[in-house]
Amino acid sequence: MEKPTVKLCADALTTMEDTMGFLGMEPEDGEAGMQTMNNIVLIINAASAYIEKQAGRHFGRREYSERYEGTGRHSLLLDNYPVRKVKEIKDLSTGKVVRKEEYYLENSGEFGIVYRETGWAMQGRPSGLANDLTAVRKNISVRYVAGYILPKDGTEETPSDLPYDIQYAVWLMVQQQWSLQANGSGGLSAFSISDVSWTFDRTVNPVVTDVVNKYIRWEC
């Protein structure tokens, strides 16, 4: 089978082959078959971008370097999850790297919390009679890896671990848009990867909405 000339975006949440299998479509040769594959890839890209924006997070595995305010408690909630590895934590007020023996990661898959027995001290200016801290600084730098192995990036040694319901949500969106186009009823009417904008001509399947709601990003 020839490969489509349109490429899956870096954050695509499924593959063209799996999507065509879900749709019950066999690959076709020739110009018409190539156009079909290209159109499916475009809708996969749009659906993946839609789901990530609605969830407020990236699902693919990547490295993050972020700054946090000290919590004044033992726990520090990281922005992205599931956390795979904490590479480095630095106290920016002293410029020192926090020793790995001083903290540990609790990672449930739904969030990642770094615990430190001595706590994550807050930095700011004391004010008022109670010396409450104001203008709290982001004095903690964390470099870590978080996210899933996407289906297109999986190998036999490291297979994809993206939850199947997320892939199913993409398949449903592709199925809906493909059916609309096939029946001459519209479909995806606008799409742009660069600024992550798109317009679907019909209401998104409520099953997709339910899946997205399960994976909405936790707020710190």
Protein backbone atom coordinates (compact mmCIF):
# COMPACT_ATOMS: atom_id res chain seq x y z
CA MET A 1 0.00 0.00 0.00
CA GLU A 2 1.31 3.43 -0.89
CA LYS A 3 1.84 5.90 1.91
CA PRO A 4 -0.31 9.04 1.99
CA THR A 5 1.46 12.22 0.94
CA VAL A 6 -0.12 14.13 3.84
CA LYS A 7 1.72 13.35 7.07
CA LEU A 8 0.31 12.70 10.51
CA CYS A 9 1.05 15.60 12.83
CA ALA A 10 3.41 15.08 15.75
CA ASP A 11 0.48 14.86 18.19
CA ALA A 12 -1.74 12.55 16.11
CA LEU A 13 -3.60 10.26 18.51
CA THR A 14 -4.05 7.30 16.17
CA THR A 15 -2.78 5.94 12.86
CA MET A 16 -4.31 5.94 9.41
CA GLU A 17 -4.17 2.12 9.25
CA ASP A 18 -6.07 1.67 12.53
CA THR A 19 -8.59 4.31 11.53
CA MET A 20 -9.29 2.69 8.17
CA GLY A 21 -9.67 -0.64 9.95
CA PHE A 22 -12.25 0.90 12.29
CA LEU A 23 -14.10 2.36 9.29
CA GLY A 24 -14.01 -1.01 7.51
CA MET A 25 -12.21 0.52 4.55
CA GLU A 26 -9.72 -1.32 2.36
CA PRO A 27 -6.79 0.62 0.89
CA GLU A 28 -7.22 1.43 -2.78
CA ASP A 29 -4.62 1.98 -5.47
CA GLY A 30 -4.43 4.96 -7.75
CA GLU A 31 -5.16 8.65 -7.40
CA ALA A 32 -8.58 8.14 -5.77
CA GLY A 33 -7.10 5.84 -3.11
CA MET A 34 -4.32 8.33 -2.36
CA GLN A 35 -6.83 11.15 -2.00
CA THR A 36 -8.90 9.04 0.41
CA MET A 37 -5.87 8.36 2.60
CA ASN A 38 -4.82 12.01 2.55
CA ASN A 39 -8.30 13.12 3.58
CA ILE A 40 -8.39 10.64 6.46
CA VAL A 41 -4.99 11.83 7.71
CA LEU A 42 -6.22 15.43 7.61
CA ILE A 43 -9.27 14.57 9.69
CA ILE A 44 -7.13 12.56 12.16
CA ASN A 45 -4.89 15.60 12.60
CA ALA A 46 -7.86 17.90 13.11
CA ALA A 47 -9.59 15.52 15.54
CA SER A 48 -6.38 15.03 17.53
CA ALA A 49 -5.82 18.77 17.80
CA TYR A 50 -9.45 19.26 18.86
CA ILE A 51 -9.21 16.66 21.63
CA GLU A 52 -5.93 18.05 22.96
CA LYS A 53 -7.23 21.60 23.03
CA GLN A 54 -10.46 20.60 24.76
CA ALA A 55 -8.50 18.58 27.34
CA GLY A 56 -5.98 21.39 27.77
CA ARG A 57 -2.97 19.09 27.53
CA HIS A 58 -0.64 17.16 25.27
CA PHE A 59 -0.91 13.36 25.35
CA GLY A 60 2.32 12.45 23.55
CA ARG A 61 5.48 11.84 25.57
CA ARG A 62 7.81 14.83 25.70
CA GLU A 63 10.23 16.64 28.01
CA TYR A 64 9.09 19.69 29.97
CA SER A 65 11.09 22.37 31.75
CA GLU A 66 8.84 24.40 34.04
CA ARG A 67 8.98 26.76 36.99
CA TYR A 68 6.76 26.47 40.05
CA GLU A 69 6.00 28.43 43.17
CA GLY A 70 6.95 26.72 46.40
CA THR A 71 3.82 25.28 47.99
CA GLY A 72 4.90 25.52 51.61
CA ARG A 73 3.88 21.86 51.86
CA HIS A 74 5.46 18.46 51.23
CA SER A 75 3.82 18.01 47.81
CA LEU A 76 4.37 19.69 44.44
CA LEU A 77 1.83 18.95 41.69
CA LEU A 78 3.36 18.93 38.20
CA ASP A 79 1.42 20.38 35.29
CA ASN A 80 1.72 17.44 32.88
CA TYR A 81 1.08 13.74 33.38
CA PRO A 82 1.50 10.84 33.49
CA VAL A 83 5.02 11.65 34.67
CA ARG A 84 7.58 9.14 33.40
CA LYS A 85 10.78 10.53 34.87
CA VAL A 86 11.94 13.52 36.88
CA LYS A 87 15.29 14.56 35.43
CA GLU A 88 16.20 17.52 37.60
CA ILE A 89 14.78 19.80 40.26
CA LYS A 90 16.59 23.02 41.07
CA ASP A 91 16.05 25.55 43.83
CA LEU A 92 16.42 28.81 41.93
CA SER A 93 16.78 30.86 45.11
CA THR A 94 20.06 29.07 45.88
CA GLY A 95 20.97 27.83 42.42
CA LYS A 96 21.42 24.30 43.80
CA VAL A 97 20.08 21.07 42.31
CA VAL A 98 17.88 19.18 44.76
CA ARG A 99 19.40 15.75 45.45
CA LYS A 100 17.29 12.83 44.18
CA GLU A 101 17.44 11.30 47.66
CA GLU A 102 15.42 14.24 48.99
CA TYR A 103 12.24 13.63 47.00
CA TYR A 104 10.15 10.90 45.42
CA LEU A 105 7.46 10.75 42.76
CA GLU A 106 3.91 9.51 43.25
CA ASN A 107 2.49 8.92 39.81
CA SER A 108 -1.02 7.52 39.44
CA GLY A 109 -1.28 8.18 35.71
CA GLU A 110 -3.86 10.90 36.35
CA PHE A 111 -1.42 13.27 38.01
CA GLY A 112 2.21 13.47 39.14
CA ILE A 113 3.12 14.68 42.61
CA VAL A 114 6.68 15.14 43.83
CA TYR A 115 7.03 14.72 47.61
CA ARG A 116 9.85 16.18 49.69
CA GLU A 117 10.14 15.50 53.41
CA THR A 118 11.54 18.96 54.12
CA GLY A 119 8.82 20.58 51.99
CA TRP A 120 8.87 22.96 49.04
CA ALA A 121 9.56 26.34 50.62
CA MET A 122 7.75 29.42 49.40
CA GLN A 123 9.75 32.49 48.44
CA GLY A 124 8.31 36.01 48.51
CA ARG A 125 8.14 39.27 50.44
CA PRO A 126 6.65 39.23 53.97
CA SER A 127 4.08 41.92 54.59
CA GLY A 128 1.43 42.94 57.11
CA LEU A 129 1.25 42.22 60.83
CA ALA A 130 1.25 38.47 60.20
CA ASN A 131 4.22 38.63 57.80
CA ASP A 132 2.20 36.86 55.11
CA LEU A 133 4.16 36.24 51.91
CA THR A 134 3.25 38.38 48.91
CA ALA A 135 4.67 38.44 45.39
CA VAL A 136 5.42 34.72 45.71
CA ARG A 137 8.20 33.71 43.32
CA LYS A 138 8.45 30.70 41.05
CA ASN A 139 11.61 29.52 42.73
CA ILE A 140 11.53 25.84 41.76
CA SER A 141 12.65 24.59 38.35
CA VAL A 142 11.58 21.07 37.32
CA ARG A 143 12.73 19.20 34.23
CA TYR A 144 10.78 16.02 33.60
CA VAL A 145 9.30 13.66 30.99
CA ALA A 146 5.55 13.13 30.83
CA GLY A 147 2.95 11.70 28.46
CA TYR A 148 2.05 8.53 26.58
CA ILE A 149 3.75 6.74 23.71
CA LEU A 150 1.45 7.54 20.79
CA PRO A 151 0.29 4.76 18.42
CA LYS A 152 2.39 6.09 15.54
CA ASP A 153 5.50 6.09 17.76
CA GLY A 154 5.05 2.66 19.33
CA THR A 155 7.44 -0.20 18.60
CA GLU A 156 7.54 -3.87 19.52
CA GLU A 157 9.94 -3.07 22.37
CA THR A 158 8.04 0.04 23.54
CA PRO A 159 4.42 -0.28 22.39
CA SER A 160 1.93 2.54 22.58
CA ASP A 161 0.32 3.03 25.98
CA LEU A 162 -2.18 5.70 24.97
CA PRO A 163 -5.57 4.77 26.48
CA TYR A 164 -7.81 3.12 23.90
CA ASP A 165 -10.78 5.34 24.64
CA ILE A 166 -8.81 8.35 23.38
CA GLN A 167 -8.11 6.56 20.10
CA TYR A 168 -11.76 5.52 19.93
CA ALA A 169 -12.81 9.15 20.31
CA VAL A 170 -10.63 10.08 17.31
CA TRP A 171 -12.10 7.22 15.27
CA LEU A 172 -15.62 8.40 16.05
CA MET A 173 -14.79 11.93 14.95
CA VAL A 174 -13.23 10.68 11.72
CA GLN A 175 -16.20 8.40 11.09
CA GLN A 176 -18.67 11.26 11.60
CA GLN A 177 -16.81 13.70 9.37
CA TRP A 178 -16.15 11.08 6.70
CA SER A 179 -19.81 10.11 6.58
CA LEU A 180 -20.85 13.74 6.22
CA GLN A 181 -18.43 14.25 3.35
CA ALA A 182 -19.44 10.99 1.65
CA ASN A 183 -23.12 11.95 1.85
CA GLY A 184 -22.51 15.48 0.61
CA SER A 185 -23.57 16.93 3.96
CA GLY A 186 -20.49 18.98 4.73
CA GLY A 187 -17.91 17.85 7.25
CA LEU A 188 -14.67 19.51 8.24
CA SER A 189 -14.98 22.97 6.70
CA ALA A 190 -11.83 24.65 8.04
CA PHE A 191 -8.56 23.44 9.49
CA SER A 192 -5.19 24.89 10.44
CA ILE A 193 -2.40 23.15 12.35
CA SER A 194 -0.27 26.27 12.82
CA ASP A 195 -2.75 28.07 15.07
CA VAL A 196 -4.74 24.98 16.08
CA SER A 197 -8.04 26.17 14.71
CA TRP A 198 -10.77 24.28 12.88
CA THR A 199 -14.48 24.23 12.23
CA PHE A 200 -16.67 21.13 12.21
CA ASP A 201 -20.03 21.39 10.47
CA ARG A 202 -21.87 19.16 12.94
CA THR A 203 -22.02 18.76 16.73
CA VAL A 204 -19.30 16.53 18.13
CA ASN A 205 -20.45 13.05 19.18
CA PRO A 206 -21.35 13.10 22.93
CA VAL A 207 -19.22 9.98 23.44
CA VAL A 208 -16.21 12.04 22.34
CA THR A 209 -17.14 14.76 24.83
CA ASP A 210 -17.42 12.19 27.63
CA VAL A 211 -13.96 10.81 26.83
CA VAL A 212 -12.39 14.27 26.69
CA ASN A 213 -13.93 15.18 30.04
CA LYS A 214 -12.10 12.21 31.61
CA TYR A 215 -8.73 13.57 30.55
CA ILE A 216 -9.09 17.31 31.13
CA ARG A 217 -5.87 18.70 32.54
CA TRP A 218 -5.66 19.02 36.32
CA GLU A 219 -5.19 22.54 37.57
CA CYS A 220 -2.42 23.18 40.06
